[in-house]
Structures are given as structure tokens and as C-alpha cells.
Amino acid sequence: MMPKKENAVNLQLILLGYNEAFERLQTGRSTARMAADSCRLYIPLLETLGWADVIEEWINEKYGKKWVKQLPASVHHLEEVIIGFRYARNVVHHRWSTAVELDEQPFLLQDWIWKNNLPSTKPQPTNEAAYKSRLAGRALRHTFKDLHTLYREVEANFS
């Protein structure tokens, strides 16, 4: 019988997955802009959301739901982004496609935004308030920018 190996899935590995997905999203954004086709961003967008979900769950398991408070005070204001992100994930049950839509801008490249309302089957007033405050109607690229800020701090402080 072979000895059990330590779990190879660690913070650096899941951050790498997220960063590579985000890079595909950024590259796709350039291609989509040239083609004036925002739908080209859909696949890398959902992939990036999936990795963000994996990171959030992994950090929760290791450091608890209040992990943002364990980071430097300079990023504590981003805790609502994480709480809103959790709300979206829990409401859509990992079916991210039901949480996003294209905005109605008539410009060449529309943005993928968080839907304004995500109907929940159970009351989650704190999480819903965070979602409405920090995510609803907002372009996902802004959420990813906030997540990048948090993940840099996570890597610096939890690795």
C-alpha cells in the first residue's frame, strides 16, 4: 500500500487557476472588442467565476467566513464584495449563468453585469444587502478587480 500523499491542492494552485482564467477573460475582452461581440466573453467569464468560487470556499474552510478581517485593514472594505459574492453563489447554486447578463449599453462592447435581483428562497438580509450594495448592476470586471486586490493580500498573508 502506498503512503497517502499530502493534498496537492493548495492556495497557490487555485490562485494559478483563477489567474489563468482571468487572463483568458482579458484576452477575450480584446478579441470581443475588435469583433464587437460581448458574447465571446461568456465562457472565460463563467470559468473565472468558477475559480473565484473555489478560492472563496477553500479560504473559508481554512480560515473561516470572516477571513477578510484577518487581512490588513486596508482591504476590510472589500468584505462586502465577498459577502455579496457568497449570496450570489448560494442563490444560484453555482449556476453562475443565471446571475449575470449583458448590460444595455448601445456601445461597441457591452459589459457583463450582475443582475439587479437574484430571488432567494430563504431570507439572507445581510448577504442580500451586500450583494445589492457591491455587486448588483455592476460590471463583473469591477468585481474581479476587487477580488484581485483581496487575493494578493491572501497570498501575502496566508501562504
C-alpha atoms as a PDB file:
ATOM      1  CA  MET A   1       0.000   0.000   0.000  1.00  0.00           C
ATOM      2  CA  MET A   2       1.355   3.424  -0.954  1.00  0.00           C
ATOM      3  CA  PRO A   3       1.543   6.127   1.707  1.00  0.00           C
ATOM      4  CA  LYS A   4      -1.081   8.836   1.428  1.00  0.00           C
ATOM      5  CA  LYS A   5       0.262  11.946  -0.269  1.00  0.00           C
ATOM      6  CA  GLU A   6      -0.427  15.379   1.112  1.00  0.00           C
ATOM      7  CA  ASN A   7      -3.213  17.105  -0.805  1.00  0.00           C
ATOM      8  CA  ALA A   8      -1.627  18.788  -3.819  1.00  0.00           C
ATOM      9  CA  VAL A   9      -4.425  21.358  -3.986  1.00  0.00           C
ATOM     10  CA  ASN A  10      -3.171  24.444  -2.226  1.00  0.00           C
ATOM     11  CA  LEU A  11      -3.690  28.186  -2.346  1.00  0.00           C
ATOM     12  CA  GLN A  12      -1.015  28.761  -4.985  1.00  0.00           C
ATOM     13  CA  LEU A  13      -2.570  26.168  -7.293  1.00  0.00           C
ATOM     14  CA  ILE A  14      -6.100  27.554  -7.103  1.00  0.00           C
ATOM     15  CA  LEU A  15      -4.825  31.129  -7.458  1.00  0.00           C
ATOM     16  CA  LEU A  16      -2.969  29.987 -10.578  1.00  0.00           C
ATOM     17  CA  GLY A  17      -6.217  28.543 -11.957  1.00  0.00           C
ATOM     18  CA  TYR A  18      -8.029  31.801 -11.257  1.00  0.00           C
ATOM     19  CA  ASN A  19      -5.253  33.950 -12.751  1.00  0.00           C
ATOM     20  CA  GLU A  20      -5.089  31.860 -15.920  1.00  0.00           C
ATOM     21  CA  ALA A  21      -8.873  32.013 -16.337  1.00  0.00           C
ATOM     22  CA  PHE A  22      -8.808  35.763 -15.732  1.00  0.00           C
ATOM     23  CA  GLU A  23      -6.050  36.159 -18.323  1.00  0.00           C
ATOM     24  CA  ARG A  24      -8.227  34.302 -20.861  1.00  0.00           C
ATOM     25  CA  LEU A  25     -11.049  36.687 -19.965  1.00  0.00           C
ATOM     26  CA  GLN A  26      -8.788  39.718 -20.527  1.00  0.00           C
ATOM     27  CA  THR A  27      -7.537  38.336 -23.849  1.00  0.00           C
ATOM     28  CA  GLY A  28     -11.116  37.534 -24.817  1.00  0.00           C
ATOM     29  CA  ARG A  29     -12.132  41.099 -23.995  1.00  0.00           C
ATOM     30  CA  SER A  30      -9.683  42.437 -26.592  1.00  0.00           C
ATOM     31  CA  THR A  31     -10.916  39.957 -29.194  1.00  0.00           C
ATOM     32  CA  ALA A  32     -14.554  40.672 -28.359  1.00  0.00           C
ATOM     33  CA  ARG A  33     -13.972  44.418 -28.619  1.00  0.00           C
ATOM     34  CA  MET A  34     -12.481  44.044 -32.114  1.00  0.00           C
ATOM     35  CA  ALA A  35     -15.385  41.832 -33.195  1.00  0.00           C
ATOM     36  CA  ALA A  36     -17.995  43.905 -31.290  1.00  0.00           C
ATOM     37  CA  ASP A  37     -19.248  40.634 -29.797  1.00  0.00           C
ATOM     38  CA  SER A  38     -19.565  40.564 -25.996  1.00  0.00           C
ATOM     39  CA  CYS A  39     -20.900  37.009 -26.092  1.00  0.00           C
ATOM     40  CA  ARG A  40     -17.331  35.828 -26.749  1.00  0.00           C
ATOM     41  CA  LEU A  41     -16.592  36.693 -23.114  1.00  0.00           C
ATOM     42  CA  TYR A  42     -19.216  34.348 -21.696  1.00  0.00           C
ATOM     43  CA  ILE A  43     -17.091  31.189 -21.436  1.00  0.00           C
ATOM     44  CA  PRO A  44     -13.991  32.753 -19.820  1.00  0.00           C
ATOM     45  CA  LEU A  45     -16.281  34.848 -17.612  1.00  0.00           C
ATOM     46  CA  LEU A  46     -18.013  31.775 -16.170  1.00  0.00           C
ATOM     47  CA  GLU A  47     -14.677  29.993 -15.857  1.00  0.00           C
ATOM     48  CA  THR A  48     -13.254  32.916 -13.852  1.00  0.00           C
ATOM     49  CA  LEU A  49     -16.334  32.957 -11.609  1.00  0.00           C
ATOM     50  CA  GLY A  50     -15.922  29.227 -11.039  1.00  0.00           C
ATOM     51  CA  TRP A  51     -12.319  29.672  -9.913  1.00  0.00           C
ATOM     52  CA  ALA A  52     -13.272  32.609  -7.678  1.00  0.00           C
ATOM     53  CA  ASP A  53     -15.832  30.315  -6.067  1.00  0.00           C
ATOM     54  CA  VAL A  54     -13.207  27.602  -5.490  1.00  0.00           C
ATOM     55  CA  ILE A  55     -10.869  30.146  -3.870  1.00  0.00           C
ATOM     56  CA  GLU A  56     -13.584  31.544  -1.619  1.00  0.00           C
ATOM     57  CA  GLU A  57     -14.660  28.102  -0.421  1.00  0.00           C
ATOM     58  CA  TRP A  58     -11.046  26.985   0.118  1.00  0.00           C
ATOM     59  CA  ILE A  59     -10.228  30.086   2.179  1.00  0.00           C
ATOM     60  CA  ASN A  60     -13.480  29.727   4.171  1.00  0.00           C
ATOM     61  CA  GLU A  61     -12.571  26.147   5.024  1.00  0.00           C
ATOM     62  CA  LYS A  62      -9.055  27.080   6.159  1.00  0.00           C
ATOM     63  CA  TYR A  63      -9.645  30.462   7.832  1.00  0.00           C
ATOM     64  CA  GLY A  64     -13.394  30.794   8.467  1.00  0.00           C
ATOM     65  CA  LYS A  65     -16.026  33.067   6.934  1.00  0.00           C
ATOM     66  CA  LYS A  66     -14.503  36.203   8.478  1.00  0.00           C
ATOM     67  CA  TRP A  67     -11.161  35.693   6.710  1.00  0.00           C
ATOM     68  CA  VAL A  68     -11.119  39.206   5.235  1.00  0.00           C
ATOM     69  CA  LYS A  69     -10.839  40.607   8.774  1.00  0.00           C
ATOM     70  CA  GLN A  70      -7.587  38.626   9.166  1.00  0.00           C
ATOM     71  CA  LEU A  71      -6.051  40.651   6.326  1.00  0.00           C
ATOM     72  CA  PRO A  72      -4.647  44.197   6.621  1.00  0.00           C
ATOM     73  CA  ALA A  73      -7.237  46.872   7.446  1.00  0.00           C
ATOM     74  CA  SER A  74      -6.677  48.462   4.026  1.00  0.00           C
ATOM     75  CA  VAL A  75      -8.826  45.736   2.402  1.00  0.00           C
ATOM     76  CA  HIS A  76     -11.527  45.312   5.054  1.00  0.00           C
ATOM     77  CA  HIS A  77     -13.892  47.480   2.990  1.00  0.00           C
ATOM     78  CA  LEU A  78     -13.922  44.682   0.384  1.00  0.00           C
ATOM     79  CA  GLU A  79     -15.548  42.216   2.771  1.00  0.00           C
ATOM     80  CA  GLU A  80     -18.961  43.220   1.373  1.00  0.00           C
ATOM     81  CA  VAL A  81     -17.799  42.103  -2.085  1.00  0.00           C
ATOM     82  CA  ILE A  82     -17.110  38.620  -0.685  1.00  0.00           C
ATOM     83  CA  ILE A  83     -20.400  38.553   1.246  1.00  0.00           C
ATOM     84  CA  GLY A  84     -22.287  39.636  -1.890  1.00  0.00           C
ATOM     85  CA  PHE A  85     -20.390  37.039  -3.935  1.00  0.00           C
ATOM     86  CA  ARG A  86     -21.417  34.328  -1.448  1.00  0.00           C
ATOM     87  CA  TYR A  87     -25.022  35.493  -1.697  1.00  0.00           C
ATOM     88  CA  ALA A  88     -24.965  35.202  -5.490  1.00  0.00           C
ATOM     89  CA  ARG A  89     -23.343  31.759  -5.332  1.00  0.00           C
ATOM     90  CA  ASN A  90     -25.807  30.465  -2.753  1.00  0.00           C
ATOM     91  CA  VAL A  91     -28.851  31.830  -4.573  1.00  0.00           C
ATOM     92  CA  VAL A  92     -27.880  30.487  -7.991  1.00  0.00           C
ATOM     93  CA  HIS A  93     -26.403  27.253  -6.578  1.00  0.00           C
ATOM     94  CA  HIS A  94     -23.197  27.576  -8.637  1.00  0.00           C
ATOM     95  CA  ARG A  95     -25.182  28.168 -11.868  1.00  0.00           C
ATOM     96  CA  TRP A  96     -23.397  31.452 -12.486  1.00  0.00           C
ATOM     97  CA  SER A  97     -25.073  31.959 -15.843  1.00  0.00           C
ATOM     98  CA  THR A  98     -28.309  32.822 -14.038  1.00  0.00           C
ATOM     99  CA  ALA A  99     -26.617  35.630 -12.063  1.00  0.00           C
ATOM    100  CA  VAL A 100     -25.197  37.618 -14.982  1.00  0.00           C
ATOM    101  CA  GLU A 101     -26.494  39.397 -18.056  1.00  0.00           C
ATOM    102  CA  LEU A 102     -25.312  41.840 -20.692  1.00  0.00           C
ATOM    103  CA  ASP A 103     -25.899  45.489 -19.926  1.00  0.00           C
ATOM    104  CA  GLU A 104     -27.967  47.567 -22.320  1.00  0.00           C
ATOM    105  CA  GLN A 105     -25.241  49.925 -23.495  1.00  0.00           C
ATOM    106  CA  PRO A 106     -25.506  50.691 -27.194  1.00  0.00           C
ATOM    107  CA  PHE A 107     -21.704  50.897 -27.492  1.00  0.00           C
ATOM    108  CA  LEU A 108     -19.480  48.523 -29.418  1.00  0.00           C
ATOM    109  CA  LEU A 109     -18.795  46.271 -26.440  1.00  0.00           C
ATOM    110  CA  GLN A 110     -21.367  45.637 -23.784  1.00  0.00           C
ATOM    111  CA  ASP A 111     -20.347  44.632 -20.279  1.00  0.00           C
ATOM    112  CA  TRP A 112     -21.398  41.509 -18.449  1.00  0.00           C
ATOM    113  CA  ILE A 113     -23.046  42.718 -15.253  1.00  0.00           C
ATOM    114  CA  TRP A 114     -24.527  41.172 -12.138  1.00  0.00           C
ATOM    115  CA  LYS A 115     -28.309  41.007 -12.326  1.00  0.00           C
ATOM    116  CA  ASN A 116     -30.043  43.577 -10.135  1.00  0.00           C
ATOM    117  CA  ASN A 117     -32.183  40.989  -8.387  1.00  0.00           C
ATOM    118  CA  LEU A 118     -31.482  37.388  -7.516  1.00  0.00           C
ATOM    119  CA  PRO A 119     -34.595  35.895  -5.951  1.00  0.00           C
ATOM    120  CA  SER A 120     -33.709  33.790  -2.920  1.00  0.00           C
ATOM    121  CA  THR A 121     -35.811  31.003  -1.445  1.00  0.00           C
ATOM    122  CA  LYS A 122     -34.594  31.782   2.067  1.00  0.00           C
ATOM    123  CA  PRO A 123     -34.056  35.176   3.690  1.00  0.00           C
ATOM    124  CA  GLN A 124     -30.431  36.321   3.791  1.00  0.00           C
ATOM    125  CA  PRO A 125     -30.801  40.028   4.581  1.00  0.00           C
ATOM    126  CA  THR A 126     -27.134  40.754   5.368  1.00  0.00           C
ATOM    127  CA  ASN A 127     -25.814  38.902   2.332  1.00  0.00           C
ATOM    128  CA  GLU A 128     -28.506  40.305   0.054  1.00  0.00           C
ATOM    129  CA  ALA A 129     -27.748  43.859   1.237  1.00  0.00           C
ATOM    130  CA  ALA A 130     -24.051  43.315   0.467  1.00  0.00           C
ATOM    131  CA  TYR A 131     -24.950  41.962  -2.983  1.00  0.00           C
ATOM    132  CA  LYS A 132     -27.154  44.953  -3.764  1.00  0.00           C
ATOM    133  CA  SER A 133     -24.567  47.377  -2.403  1.00  0.00           C
ATOM    134  CA  ARG A 134     -21.428  45.995  -4.072  1.00  0.00           C
ATOM    135  CA  LEU A 135     -22.421  43.748  -6.996  1.00  0.00           C
ATOM    136  CA  ALA A 136     -25.956  44.279  -8.375  1.00  0.00           C
ATOM    137  CA  GLY A 137     -25.921  46.096 -11.704  1.00  0.00           C
ATOM    138  CA  ARG A 138     -22.139  46.395 -11.586  1.00  0.00           C
ATOM    139  CA  ALA A 139     -19.804  45.134 -14.304  1.00  0.00           C
ATOM    140  CA  LEU A 140     -18.138  41.880 -13.325  1.00  0.00           C
ATOM    141  CA  ARG A 141     -14.761  43.314 -14.339  1.00  0.00           C
ATOM    142  CA  HIS A 142     -15.008  45.598 -11.284  1.00  0.00           C
ATOM    143  CA  THR A 143     -15.754  42.624  -9.026  1.00  0.00           C
ATOM    144  CA  PHE A 144     -12.735  40.799 -10.450  1.00  0.00           C
ATOM    145  CA  LYS A 145     -10.575  43.872  -9.761  1.00  0.00           C
ATOM    146  CA  ASP A 146     -11.707  43.798  -6.112  1.00  0.00           C
ATOM    147  CA  LEU A 147     -11.092  40.054  -5.924  1.00  0.00           C
ATOM    148  CA  HIS A 148      -7.581  40.507  -7.331  1.00  0.00           C
ATOM    149  CA  THR A 149      -6.859  43.012  -4.564  1.00  0.00           C
ATOM    150  CA  LEU A 150      -8.078  40.554  -1.942  1.00  0.00           C
ATOM    151  CA  TYR A 151      -6.259  37.588  -3.455  1.00  0.00           C
ATOM    152  CA  ARG A 152      -2.940  39.467  -3.482  1.00  0.00           C
ATOM    153  CA  GLU A 153      -3.391  40.064   0.248  1.00  0.00           C
ATOM    154  CA  VAL A 154      -4.466  36.463   0.823  1.00  0.00           C
ATOM    155  CA  GLU A 155      -1.349  35.206  -0.928  1.00  0.00           C
ATOM    156  CA  ALA A 156       0.888  37.596   1.027  1.00  0.00           C
ATOM    157  CA  ASN A 157      -0.693  36.846   4.411  1.00  0.00           C
ATOM    158  CA  PHE A 158      -1.935  33.239   4.267  1.00  0.00           C
ATOM    159  CA  SER A 159       0.809  31.498   2.261  1.00  0.00           C
END
